[in-house]
């Protein structure tokens, strides 16, 4: 599966579970680790896990099984590594604290439709 298709599936899954302030960055030609980085916020720890489950369900439905999830049940930040797409899901406070988007400023911020 190409990285653009994987990104679209991921963004649909985030939208389905109402991820907030979602941002995506095209890092092709900038990062050797992934083509796209995504960040989204969850209003609660429960929603954080629902977002991860939604992403995993959608990628599995599309016959994609090469992923890894980092974080624990009590984490305020979970990372879903889909290879060419890396998704960071934060509680609002954790996202403000870590400010990861500044690391991706060399990439192109994608225009995403507003929910």
PDB file of N, CA and C in Angstrom:
ATOM      1  N   UNK A   1       0.855  -1.170   0.000  1.00  0.00           N
ATOM      2  CA  UNK A   1       0.000   0.000   0.000  1.00  0.00           C
ATOM      3  C   UNK A   1       0.904   1.236   0.000  1.00  0.00           C
ATOM      4  N   UNK A   2       0.579   2.221  -0.841  1.00  0.00           N
ATOM      5  CA  UNK A   2       1.431   3.407  -0.874  1.00  0.00           C
ATOM      6  C   UNK A   2       1.126   4.326   0.313  1.00  0.00           C
ATOM      7  N   UNK A   3       2.045   5.211   0.590  1.00  0.00           N
ATOM      8  CA  UNK A   3       1.949   6.046   1.796  1.00  0.00           C
ATOM      9  C   UNK A   3       0.767   7.021   1.739  1.00  0.00           C
ATOM     10  N   UNK A   4       0.405   7.513   0.546  1.00  0.00           N
ATOM     11  CA  UNK A   4      -0.738   8.431   0.440  1.00  0.00           C
ATOM     12  C   UNK A   4      -2.043   7.730   0.811  1.00  0.00           C
ATOM     13  N   UNK A   5      -2.219   6.487   0.337  1.00  0.00           N
ATOM     14  CA  UNK A   5      -3.413   5.701   0.665  1.00  0.00           C
ATOM     15  C   UNK A   5      -3.446   5.418   2.161  1.00  0.00           C
ATOM     16  N   UNK A   6      -2.317   5.065   2.732  1.00  0.00           N
ATOM     17  CA  UNK A   6      -2.232   4.792   4.163  1.00  0.00           C
ATOM     18  C   UNK A   6      -2.573   6.045   4.972  1.00  0.00           C
ATOM     19  N   UNK A   7      -2.105   7.195   4.515  1.00  0.00           N
ATOM     20  CA  UNK A   7      -2.435   8.459   5.173  1.00  0.00           C
ATOM     21  C   UNK A   7      -3.934   8.720   5.109  1.00  0.00           C
ATOM     22  N   UNK A   8      -4.550   8.525   3.949  1.00  0.00           N
ATOM     23  CA  UNK A   8      -5.999   8.750   3.805  1.00  0.00           C
ATOM     24  C   UNK A   8      -6.801   7.852   4.737  1.00  0.00           C
ATOM     25  N   UNK A   9      -6.433   6.594   4.816  1.00  0.00           N
ATOM     26  CA  UNK A   9      -7.120   5.649   5.708  1.00  0.00           C
ATOM     27  C   UNK A   9      -6.985   6.106   7.153  1.00  0.00           C
ATOM     28  N   UNK A  10      -5.792   6.526   7.513  1.00  0.00           N
ATOM     29  CA  UNK A  10      -5.520   6.985   8.882  1.00  0.00           C
ATOM     30  C   UNK A  10      -6.339   8.222   9.219  1.00  0.00           C
ATOM     31  N   UNK A  11      -6.365   9.186   8.320  1.00  0.00           N
ATOM     32  CA  UNK A  11      -7.129  10.419   8.574  1.00  0.00           C
ATOM     33  C   UNK A  11      -8.628  10.144   8.654  1.00  0.00           C
ATOM     34  N   UNK A  12      -9.128   9.206   7.848  1.00  0.00           N
ATOM     35  CA  UNK A  12     -10.546   8.814   7.944  1.00  0.00           C
ATOM     36  C   UNK A  12     -10.846   8.202   9.312  1.00  0.00           C
ATOM     37  N   UNK A  13      -9.949   7.349   9.777  1.00  0.00           N
ATOM     38  CA  UNK A  13     -10.139   6.703  11.077  1.00  0.00           C
ATOM     39  C   UNK A  13     -10.133   7.734  12.204  1.00  0.00           C
ATOM     40  N   UNK A  14      -9.250   8.710  12.114  1.00  0.00           N
ATOM     41  CA  UNK A  14      -9.196   9.778  13.127  1.00  0.00           C
ATOM     42  C   UNK A  14     -10.482  10.588  13.099  1.00  0.00           C
ATOM     43  N   UNK A  15     -10.951  10.912  11.923  1.00  0.00           N
ATOM     44  CA  UNK A  15     -12.187  11.672  11.778  1.00  0.00           C
ATOM     45  C   UNK A  15     -13.381  10.909  12.352  1.00  0.00           C
ATOM     46  N   UNK A  16     -13.427   9.592  12.119  1.00  0.00           N
ATOM     47  CA  UNK A  16     -14.522   8.763  12.619  1.00  0.00           C
ATOM     48  C   UNK A  16     -14.639   8.810  14.135  1.00  0.00           C
ATOM     49  N   UNK A  17     -13.520   8.972  14.818  1.00  0.00           N
ATOM     50  CA  UNK A  17     -13.518   8.987  16.291  1.00  0.00           C
ATOM     51  C   UNK A  17     -13.283  10.395  16.844  1.00  0.00           C
ATOM     52  N   UNK A  18     -13.466  11.383  15.987  1.00  0.00           N
ATOM     53  CA  UNK A  18     -13.453  12.802  16.395  1.00  0.00           C
ATOM     54  C   UNK A  18     -12.148  13.262  17.022  1.00  0.00           C
ATOM     55  N   UNK A  19     -11.042  12.878  16.394  1.00  0.00           N
ATOM     56  CA  UNK A  19      -9.761  13.443  16.808  1.00  0.00           C
ATOM     57  C   UNK A  19      -9.820  14.959  16.620  1.00  0.00           C
ATOM     58  N   UNK A  20      -9.140  15.685  17.473  1.00  0.00           N
ATOM     59  CA  UNK A  20      -9.225  17.150  17.477  1.00  0.00           C
ATOM     60  C   UNK A  20      -7.906  17.770  17.031  1.00  0.00           C
ATOM     61  N   UNK A  21      -8.005  18.878  16.322  1.00  0.00           N
ATOM     62  CA  UNK A  21      -6.837  19.654  15.883  1.00  0.00           C
ATOM     63  C   UNK A  21      -5.827  18.772  15.152  1.00  0.00           C
ATOM     64  N   UNK A  22      -6.329  17.945  14.258  1.00  0.00           N
ATOM     65  CA  UNK A  22      -5.464  17.022  13.523  1.00  0.00           C
ATOM     66  C   UNK A  22      -4.596  17.782  12.523  1.00  0.00           C
ATOM     67  N   UNK A  23      -3.320  17.456  12.525  1.00  0.00           N
ATOM     68  CA  UNK A  23      -2.365  18.039  11.585  1.00  0.00           C
ATOM     69  C   UNK A  23      -1.567  16.910  10.954  1.00  0.00           C
ATOM     70  N   UNK A  24      -1.235  17.090   9.678  1.00  0.00           N
ATOM     71  CA  UNK A  24      -0.417  16.111   8.972  1.00  0.00           C
ATOM     72  C   UNK A  24       0.680  16.845   8.217  1.00  0.00           C
ATOM     73  N   UNK A  25       1.849  16.235   8.186  1.00  0.00           N
ATOM     74  CA  UNK A  25       3.020  16.838   7.550  1.00  0.00           C
ATOM     75  C   UNK A  25       3.605  15.868   6.548  1.00  0.00           C
ATOM     76  N   UNK A  26       3.860  16.364   5.348  1.00  0.00           N
ATOM     77  CA  UNK A  26       4.519  15.595   4.302  1.00  0.00           C
ATOM     78  C   UNK A  26       6.021  15.745   4.508  1.00  0.00           C
ATOM     79  N   UNK A  27       6.676  14.659   4.856  1.00  0.00           N
ATOM     80  CA  UNK A  27       8.097  14.690   5.186  1.00  0.00           C
ATOM     81  C   UNK A  27       8.948  13.997   4.131  1.00  0.00           C
ATOM     82  N   UNK A  28       8.336  13.689   2.970  1.00  0.00           N
ATOM     83  CA  UNK A  28       9.100  13.047   1.901  1.00  0.00           C
ATOM     84  C   UNK A  28      10.234  13.975   1.468  1.00  0.00           C
ATOM     85  N   UNK A  29      11.417  13.432   1.385  1.00  0.00           N
ATOM     86  CA  UNK A  29      12.589  14.213   1.022  1.00  0.00           C
ATOM     87  C   UNK A  29      13.217  14.945   2.199  1.00  0.00           C
ATOM     88  N   UNK A  30      12.584  14.876   3.362  1.00  0.00           N
ATOM     89  CA  UNK A  30      13.084  15.548   4.559  1.00  0.00           C
ATOM     90  C   UNK A  30      13.495  14.516   5.614  1.00  0.00           C
ATOM     91  N   UNK A  31      12.634  13.526   5.827  1.00  0.00           N
ATOM     92  CA  UNK A  31      12.872  12.516   6.849  1.00  0.00           C
ATOM     93  C   UNK A  31      13.074  11.154   6.201  1.00  0.00           C
ATOM     94  N   UNK A  32      14.027  10.410   6.706  1.00  0.00           N
ATOM     95  CA  UNK A  32      14.212   9.045   6.205  1.00  0.00           C
ATOM     96  C   UNK A  32      13.364   8.054   7.007  1.00  0.00           C
ATOM     97  N   UNK A  33      12.721   8.510   8.071  1.00  0.00           N
ATOM     98  CA  UNK A  33      11.956   7.616   8.939  1.00  0.00           C
ATOM     99  C   UNK A  33      10.543   7.356   8.451  1.00  0.00           C
ATOM    100  N   UNK A  34       9.880   8.367   7.895  1.00  0.00           N
ATOM    101  CA  UNK A  34       8.496   8.213   7.456  1.00  0.00           C
ATOM    102  C   UNK A  34       8.169   9.276   6.416  1.00  0.00           C
ATOM    103  N   UNK A  35       7.181   8.980   5.576  1.00  0.00           N
ATOM    104  CA  UNK A  35       6.732   9.946   4.575  1.00  0.00           C
ATOM    105  C   UNK A  35       5.805  10.993   5.175  1.00  0.00           C
ATOM    106  N   UNK A  36       4.983  10.567   6.138  1.00  0.00           N
ATOM    107  CA  UNK A  36       4.007  11.477   6.742  1.00  0.00           C
ATOM    108  C   UNK A  36       4.005  11.322   8.262  1.00  0.00           C
ATOM    109  N   UNK A  37       3.885  12.453   8.928  1.00  0.00           N
ATOM    110  CA  UNK A  37       3.688  12.483  10.374  1.00  0.00           C
ATOM    111  C   UNK A  37       2.343  13.124  10.642  1.00  0.00           C
ATOM    112  N   UNK A  38       1.590  12.542  11.561  1.00  0.00           N
ATOM    113  CA  UNK A  38       0.256  13.031  11.915  1.00  0.00           C
ATOM    114  C   UNK A  38       0.216  13.238  13.417  1.00  0.00           C
ATOM    115  N   UNK A  39      -0.456  14.306  13.827  1.00  0.00           N
ATOM    116  CA  UNK A  39      -0.708  14.551  15.254  1.00  0.00           C
ATOM    117  C   UNK A  39      -2.180  14.866  15.414  1.00  0.00           C
ATOM    118  N   UNK A  40      -2.773  14.325  16.455  1.00  0.00           N
ATOM    119  CA  UNK A  40      -4.166  14.630  16.777  1.00  0.00           C
ATOM    120  C   UNK A  40      -4.333  14.575  18.286  1.00  0.00           C
ATOM    121  N   UNK A  41      -5.393  15.211  18.757  1.00  0.00           N
ATOM    122  CA  UNK A  41      -5.655  15.265  20.199  1.00  0.00           C
ATOM    123  C   UNK A  41      -6.941  14.525  20.542  1.00  0.00           C
ATOM    124  N   UNK A  42      -6.957  14.005  21.752  1.00  0.00           N
ATOM    125  CA  UNK A  42      -8.139  13.347  22.312  1.00  0.00           C
ATOM    126  C   UNK A  42      -8.530  14.082  23.575  1.00  0.00           C
ATOM    127  N   UNK A  43      -9.820  14.172  23.802  1.00  0.00           N
ATOM    128  CA  UNK A  43     -10.288  14.912  24.980  1.00  0.00           C
ATOM    129  C   UNK A  43     -10.182  14.092  26.264  1.00  0.00           C
ATOM    130  N   UNK A  44      -9.934  12.795  26.148  1.00  0.00           N
ATOM    131  CA  UNK A  44      -9.802  11.936  27.325  1.00  0.00           C
ATOM    132  C   UNK A  44      -8.905  10.749  26.991  1.00  0.00           C
ATOM    133  N   UNK A  45      -8.468  10.061  28.015  1.00  0.00           N
ATOM    134  CA  UNK A  45      -7.654   8.872  27.827  1.00  0.00           C
ATOM    135  C   UNK A  45      -8.461   7.794  27.107  1.00  0.00           C
ATOM    136  N   UNK A  46      -9.734   7.734  27.377  1.00  0.00           N
ATOM    137  CA  UNK A  46     -10.609   6.757  26.724  1.00  0.00           C
ATOM    138  C   UNK A  46     -10.685   7.021  25.218  1.00  0.00           C
ATOM    139  N   UNK A  47     -10.832   8.296  24.842  1.00  0.00           N
ATOM    140  CA  UNK A  47     -10.879   8.640  23.429  1.00  0.00           C
ATOM    141  C   UNK A  47      -9.524   8.373  22.764  1.00  0.00           C
ATOM    142  N   UNK A  48      -8.448   8.591  23.485  1.00  0.00           N
ATOM    143  CA  UNK A  48      -7.108   8.315  22.980  1.00  0.00           C
ATOM    144  C   UNK A  48      -7.021   6.878  22.479  1.00  0.00           C
ATOM    145  N   UNK A  49      -7.499   5.945  23.285  1.00  0.00           N
ATOM    146  CA  UNK A  49      -7.455   4.532  22.910  1.00  0.00           C
ATOM    147  C   UNK A  49      -8.467   4.208  21.817  1.00  0.00           C
ATOM    148  N   UNK A  50      -9.606   4.888  21.814  1.00  0.00           N
ATOM    149  CA  UNK A  50     -10.589   4.681  20.751  1.00  0.00           C
ATOM    150  C   UNK A  50     -10.015   5.110  19.403  1.00  0.00           C
ATOM    151  N   UNK A  51      -9.237   6.188  19.385  1.00  0.00           N
ATOM    152  CA  UNK A  51      -8.598   6.637  18.150  1.00  0.00           C
ATOM    153  C   UNK A  51      -7.599   5.599  17.642  1.00  0.00           C
ATOM    154  N   UNK A  52      -6.791   5.063  18.524  1.00  0.00           N
ATOM    155  CA  UNK A  52      -5.828   4.031  18.125  1.00  0.00           C
ATOM    156  C   UNK A  52      -6.562   2.819  17.563  1.00  0.00           C
ATOM    157  N   UNK A  53      -7.605   2.377  18.263  1.00  0.00           N
ATOM    158  CA  UNK A  53      -8.361   1.210  17.799  1.00  0.00           C
ATOM    159  C   UNK A  53      -9.011   1.464  16.446  1.00  0.00           C
ATOM    160  N   UNK A  54      -9.503   2.664  16.227  1.00  0.00           N
ATOM    161  CA  UNK A  54     -10.111   3.019  14.946  1.00  0.00           C
ATOM    162  C   UNK A  54      -9.081   2.942  13.818  1.00  0.00           C
ATOM    163  N   UNK A  55      -7.893   3.481  14.068  1.00  0.00           N
ATOM    164  CA  UNK A  55      -6.820   3.429  13.058  1.00  0.00           C
ATOM    165  C   UNK A  55      -6.454   1.982  12.749  1.00  0.00           C
ATOM    166  N   UNK A  56      -6.251   1.183  13.779  1.00  0.00           N
ATOM    167  CA  UNK A  56      -5.857  -0.215  13.565  1.00  0.00           C
ATOM    168  C   UNK A  56      -6.947  -0.999  12.847  1.00  0.00           C
ATOM    169  N   UNK A  57      -8.205  -0.765  13.214  1.00  0.00           N
ATOM    170  CA  UNK A  57      -9.312  -1.450  12.537  1.00  0.00           C
ATOM    171  C   UNK A  57      -9.333  -1.110  11.049  1.00  0.00           C
ATOM    172  N   UNK A  58      -9.174   0.177  10.728  1.00  0.00           N
ATOM    173  CA  UNK A  58      -9.232   0.605   9.316  1.00  0.00           C
ATOM    174  C   UNK A  58      -8.058   0.060   8.505  1.00  0.00           C
ATOM    175  N   UNK A  59      -6.868   0.078   9.073  1.00  0.00           N
ATOM    176  CA  UNK A  59      -5.732  -0.427   8.287  1.00  0.00           C
ATOM    177  C   UNK A  59      -5.837  -1.937   8.101  1.00  0.00           C
ATOM    178  N   UNK A  60      -6.327  -2.639   9.113  1.00  0.00           N
ATOM    179  CA  UNK A  60      -6.518  -4.087   8.976  1.00  0.00           C
ATOM    180  C   UNK A  60      -7.576  -4.398   7.918  1.00  0.00           C
ATOM    181  N   UNK A  61      -8.661  -3.606   7.892  1.00  0.00           N
ATOM    182  CA  UNK A  61      -9.706  -3.778   6.873  1.00  0.00           C
ATOM    183  C   UNK A  61      -9.125  -3.652   5.467  1.00  0.00           C
ATOM    184  N   UNK A  62      -8.086  -2.874   5.334  1.00  0.00           N
ATOM    185  CA  UNK A  62      -7.429  -2.660   4.046  1.00  0.00           C
ATOM    186  C   UNK A  62      -6.221  -3.580   3.866  1.00  0.00           C
ATOM    187  N   UNK A  63      -6.212  -4.654   4.644  1.00  0.00           N
ATOM    188  CA  UNK A  63      -5.187  -5.691   4.530  1.00  0.00           C
ATOM    189  C   UNK A  63      -3.780  -5.187   4.798  1.00  0.00           C
ATOM    190  N   UNK A  64      -3.673  -4.258   5.720  1.00  0.00           N
ATOM    191  CA  UNK A  64      -2.357  -3.748   6.117  1.00  0.00           C
ATOM    192  C   UNK A  64      -2.104  -4.191   7.553  1.00  0.00           C
ATOM    193  N   UNK A  65      -1.002  -4.879   7.772  1.00  0.00           N
ATOM    194  CA  UNK A  65      -0.740  -5.459   9.099  1.00  0.00           C
ATOM    195  C   UNK A  65       0.648  -5.123   9.624  1.00  0.00           C
ATOM    196  N   UNK A  66       1.330  -4.183   8.996  1.00  0.00           N
ATOM    197  CA  UNK A  66       2.683  -3.827   9.398  1.00  0.00           C
ATOM    198  C   UNK A  66       2.641  -2.566  10.263  1.00  0.00           C
ATOM    199  N   UNK A  67       2.353  -2.746  11.540  1.00  0.00           N
ATOM    200  CA  UNK A  67       2.236  -1.595  12.435  1.00  0.00           C
ATOM    201  C   UNK A  67       2.734  -1.959  13.823  1.00  0.00           C
ATOM    202  N   UNK A  68       2.965  -0.916  14.592  1.00  0.00           N
ATOM    203  CA  UNK A  68       3.379  -1.055  15.984  1.00  0.00           C
ATOM    204  C   UNK A  68       2.761   0.083  16.774  1.00  0.00           C
ATOM    205  N   UNK A  69       2.345  -0.185  17.993  1.00  0.00           N
ATOM    206  CA  UNK A  69       1.788   0.836  18.876  1.00  0.00           C
ATOM    207  C   UNK A  69       2.702   0.966  20.083  1.00  0.00           C
ATOM    208  N   UNK A  70       3.057   2.211  20.394  1.00  0.00           N
ATOM    209  CA  UNK A  70       3.903   2.497  21.556  1.00  0.00           C
ATOM    210  C   UNK A  70       3.080   3.274  22.577  1.00  0.00           C
ATOM    211  N   UNK A  71       3.224   2.908  23.835  1.00  0.00           N
ATOM    212  CA  UNK A  71       2.501   3.547  24.924  1.00  0.00           C
ATOM    213  C   UNK A  71       1.751   2.492  25.723  1.00  0.00           C
ATOM    214  N   UNK A  72       1.245   2.897  26.866  1.00  0.00           N
ATOM    215  CA  UNK A  72       0.521   1.971  27.737  1.00  0.00           C
ATOM    216  C   UNK A  72      -0.903   2.471  27.958  1.00  0.00           C
ATOM    217  N   UNK A  73      -1.677   1.658  28.640  1.00  0.00           N
ATOM    218  CA  UNK A  73      -3.068   2.008  28.922  1.00  0.00           C
ATOM    219  C   UNK A  73      -3.172   3.346  29.662  1.00  0.00           C
ATOM    220  N   UNK A  74      -2.185   3.671  30.473  1.00  0.00           N
ATOM    221  CA  UNK A  74      -2.222   4.900  31.268  1.00  0.00           C
ATOM    222  C   UNK A  74      -1.520   6.069  30.600  1.00  0.00           C
ATOM    223  N   UNK A  75      -0.999   5.873  29.391  1.00  0.00           N
ATOM    224  CA  UNK A  75      -0.259   6.934  28.712  1.00  0.00           C
ATOM    225  C   UNK A  75      -1.170   8.068  28.261  1.00  0.00           C
ATOM    226  N   UNK A  76      -0.595   9.251  28.198  1.00  0.00           N
ATOM    227  CA  UNK A  76      -1.295  10.416  27.665  1.00  0.00           C
ATOM    228  C   UNK A  76      -0.850  10.706  26.236  1.00  0.00           C
ATOM    229  N   UNK A  77      -0.030   9.810  25.697  1.00  0.00           N
ATOM    230  CA  UNK A  77       0.477   9.945  24.338  1.00  0.00           C
ATOM    231  C   UNK A  77       0.712   8.541  23.807  1.00  0.00           C
ATOM    232  N   UNK A  78       0.057   8.233  22.703  1.00  0.00           N
ATOM    233  CA  UNK A  78       0.265   6.950  22.045  1.00  0.00           C
ATOM    234  C   UNK A  78       0.778   7.200  20.638  1.00  0.00           C
ATOM    235  N   UNK A  79       1.687   6.346  20.206  1.00  0.00           N
ATOM    236  CA  UNK A  79       2.251   6.462  18.874  1.00  0.00           C
ATOM    237  C   UNK A  79       1.870   5.214  18.083  1.00  0.00           C
ATOM    238  N   UNK A  80       1.341   5.434  16.881  1.00  0.00           N
ATOM    239  CA  UNK A  80       1.026   4.336  15.980  1.00  0.00           C
ATOM    240  C   UNK A  80       1.999   4.444  14.809  1.00  0.00           C
ATOM    241  N   UNK A  81       2.888   3.475  14.706  1.00  0.00           N
ATOM    242  CA  UNK A  81       3.895   3.445  13.644  1.00  0.00           C
ATOM    243  C   UNK A  81       3.394   2.518  12.548  1.00  0.00           C
ATOM    244  N   UNK A  82       3.002   3.115  11.428  1.00  0.00           N
ATOM    245  CA  UNK A  82       2.515   2.355  10.282  1.00  0.00           C
ATOM    246  C   UNK A  82       3.578   2.258   9.188  1.00  0.00           C
ATOM    247  N   UNK A  83       4.804   2.510   9.561  1.00  0.00           N
ATOM    248  CA  UNK A  83       5.891   2.484   8.582  1.00  0.00           C
ATOM    249  C   UNK A  83       6.049   3.845   7.927  1.00  0.00           C
ATOM    250  N   UNK A  84       5.394   4.047   6.798  1.00  0.00           N
ATOM    251  CA  UNK A  84       5.504   5.318   6.085  1.00  0.00           C
ATOM    252  C   UNK A  84       4.651   6.432   6.681  1.00  0.00           C
ATOM    253  N   UNK A  85       3.771   6.079   7.611  1.00  0.00           N
ATOM    254  CA  UNK A  85       2.927   7.063   8.303  1.00  0.00           C
ATOM    255  C   UNK A  85       3.083   6.833   9.802  1.00  0.00           C
ATOM    256  N   UNK A  86       3.432   7.889  10.516  1.00  0.00           N
ATOM    257  CA  UNK A  86       3.572   7.820  11.972  1.00  0.00           C
ATOM    258  C   UNK A  86       2.518   8.749  12.579  1.00  0.00           C
ATOM    259  N   UNK A  87       1.712   8.192  13.476  1.00  0.00           N
ATOM    260  CA  UNK A  87       0.616   8.940  14.074  1.00  0.00           C
ATOM    261  C   UNK A  87       0.870   9.109  15.568  1.00  0.00           C
ATOM    262  N   UNK A  88       0.809  10.351  16.027  1.00  0.00           N
ATOM    263  CA  UNK A  88       0.942  10.667  17.445  1.00  0.00           C
ATOM    264  C   UNK A  88      -0.423  11.137  17.941  1.00  0.00           C
ATOM    265  N   UNK A  89      -0.927  10.456  18.963  1.00  0.00           N
ATOM    266  CA  UNK A  89      -2.228  10.800  19.526  1.00  0.00           C
ATOM    267  C   UNK A  89      -2.000  11.187  20.972  1.00  0.00           C
ATOM    268  N   UNK A  90      -2.399  12.405  21.296  1.00  0.00           N
ATOM    269  CA  UNK A  90      -2.135  12.978  22.611  1.00  0.00           C
ATOM    270  C   UNK A  90      -3.429  13.363  23.319  1.00  0.00           C
ATOM    271  N   UNK A  91      -3.365  13.388  24.647  1.00  0.00           N
ATOM    272  CA  UNK A  91      -4.363  14.167  25.356  1.00  0.00           C
ATOM    273  C   UNK A  91      -3.979  15.631  25.109  1.00  0.00           C
ATOM    274  N   UNK A  92      -4.895  16.533  25.316  1.00  0.00           N
ATOM    275  CA  UNK A  92      -4.628  17.946  25.021  1.00  0.00           C
ATOM    276  C   UNK A  92      -3.435  18.483  25.809  1.00  0.00           C
ATOM    277  N   UNK A  93      -3.357  18.144  27.100  1.00  0.00           N
ATOM    278  CA  UNK A  93      -2.249  18.632  27.928  1.00  0.00           C
ATOM    279  C   UNK A  93      -0.902  18.077  27.463  1.00  0.00           C
ATOM    280  N   UNK A  94      -0.868  16.801  27.109  1.00  0.00           N
ATOM    281  CA  UNK A  94       0.389  16.193  26.655  1.00  0.00           C
ATOM    282  C   UNK A  94       0.841  16.810  25.331  1.00  0.00           C
ATOM    283  N   UNK A  95      -0.100  17.086  24.460  1.00  0.00           N
ATOM    284  CA  UNK A  95       0.275  17.686  23.173  1.00  0.00           C
ATOM    285  C   UNK A  95       0.880  19.066  23.375  1.00  0.00           C
ATOM    286  N   UNK A  96       0.280  19.854  24.246  1.00  0.00           N
ATOM    287  CA  UNK A  96       0.826  21.176  24.551  1.00  0.00           C
ATOM    288  C   UNK A  96       2.219  21.062  25.171  1.00  0.00           C
ATOM    289  N   UNK A  97       2.394  20.107  26.047  1.00  0.00           N
ATOM    290  CA  UNK A  97       3.665  19.938  26.745  1.00  0.00           C
ATOM    291  C   UNK A  97       4.795  19.552  25.790  1.00  0.00           C
ATOM    292  N   UNK A  98       4.554  18.568  24.916  1.00  0.00           N
ATOM    293  CA  UNK A  98       5.626  18.053  24.050  1.00  0.00           C
ATOM    294  C   UNK A  98       5.858  18.891  22.800  1.00  0.00           C
ATOM    295  N   UNK A  99       4.832  19.488  22.233  1.00  0.00           N
ATOM    296  CA  UNK A  99       4.995  20.360  21.070  1.00  0.00           C
ATOM    297  C   UNK A  99       5.748  19.722  19.906  1.00  0.00           C
ATOM    298  N   UNK A 100       5.436  18.483  19.601  1.00  0.00           N
ATOM    299  CA  UNK A 100       6.167  17.754  18.557  1.00  0.00           C
ATOM    300  C   UNK A 100       6.094  18.381  17.175  1.00  0.00           C
ATOM    301  N   UNK A 101       5.032  19.085  16.891  1.00  0.00           N
ATOM    302  CA  UNK A 101       4.884  19.656  15.554  1.00  0.00           C
ATOM    303  C   UNK A 101       6.057  20.553  15.174  1.00  0.00           C
ATOM    304  N   UNK A 102       6.729  21.135  16.145  1.00  0.00           N
ATOM    305  CA  UNK A 102       7.886  21.978  15.825  1.00  0.00           C
ATOM    306  C   UNK A 102       9.016  21.157  15.196  1.00  0.00           C
ATOM    307  N   UNK A 103       9.070  19.864  15.504  1.00  0.00           N
ATOM    308  CA  UNK A 103      10.092  19.000  14.920  1.00  0.00           C
ATOM    309  C   UNK A 103       9.864  18.770  13.425  1.00  0.00           C
ATOM    310  N   UNK A 104       8.634  18.962  12.979  1.00  0.00           N
ATOM    311  CA  UNK A 104       8.279  18.664  11.599  1.00  0.00           C
ATOM    312  C   UNK A 104       8.171  19.915  10.741  1.00  0.00           C
ATOM    313  N   UNK A 105       8.636  21.036  11.238  1.00  0.00           N
ATOM    314  CA  UNK A 105       8.475  22.307  10.531  1.00  0.00           C
ATOM    315  C   UNK A 105       9.218  22.338   9.191  1.00  0.00           C
ATOM    316  N   UNK A 106      10.179  21.455   8.981  1.00  0.00           N
ATOM    317  CA  UNK A 106      10.882  21.398   7.694  1.00  0.00           C
ATOM    318  C   UNK A 106      10.034  20.717   6.620  1.00  0.00           C
ATOM    319  N   UNK A 107       8.991  20.013   7.051  1.00  0.00           N
ATOM    320  CA  UNK A 107       8.093  19.355   6.106  1.00  0.00           C
ATOM    321  C   UNK A 107       6.986  20.292   5.672  1.00  0.00           C
ATOM    322  N   UNK A 108       6.150  19.810   4.786  1.00  0.00           N
ATOM    323  CA  UNK A 108       5.020  20.598   4.286  1.00  0.00           C
ATOM    324  C   UNK A 108       3.776  20.237   5.087  1.00  0.00           C
ATOM    325  N   UNK A 109       3.200  21.233   5.769  1.00  0.00           N
ATOM    326  CA  UNK A 109       1.962  21.001   6.497  1.00  0.00           C
ATOM    327  C   UNK A 109       0.836  20.858   5.477  1.00  0.00           C
ATOM    328  N   UNK A 110       0.079  19.770   5.577  1.00  0.00           N
ATOM    329  CA  UNK A 110      -0.978  19.503   4.621  1.00  0.00           C
ATOM    330  C   UNK A 110      -2.261  20.213   5.029  1.00  0.00           C
ATOM    331  N   UNK A 111      -3.001  20.667   4.037  1.00  0.00           N
ATOM    332  CA  UNK A 111      -4.322  21.251   4.291  1.00  0.00           C
ATOM    333  C   UNK A 111      -5.310  20.128   4.455  1.00  0.00           C
ATOM    334  N   UNK A 112      -5.891  20.018   5.651  1.00  0.00           N
ATOM    335  CA  UNK A 112      -6.878  18.986   5.931  1.00  0.00           C
ATOM    336  C   UNK A 112      -8.251  19.619   6.021  1.00  0.00           C
ATOM    337  N   UNK A 113      -9.281  18.918   5.579  1.00  0.00           N
ATOM    338  CA  UNK A 113     -10.633  19.468   5.707  1.00  0.00           C
ATOM    339  C   UNK A 113     -11.013  19.618   7.176  1.00  0.00           C
ATOM    340  N   UNK A 114     -11.721  20.666   7.483  1.00  0.00           N
ATOM    341  CA  UNK A 114     -12.180  20.892   8.853  1.00  0.00           C
ATOM    342  C   UNK A 114     -13.398  20.035   9.120  1.00  0.00           C
ATOM    343  N   UNK A 115     -13.472  19.512  10.323  1.00  0.00           N
ATOM    344  CA  UNK A 115     -14.617  18.678  10.711  1.00  0.00           C
ATOM    345  C   UNK A 115     -15.721  19.529  11.274  1.00  0.00           C
TER     346      UNK A 115
END
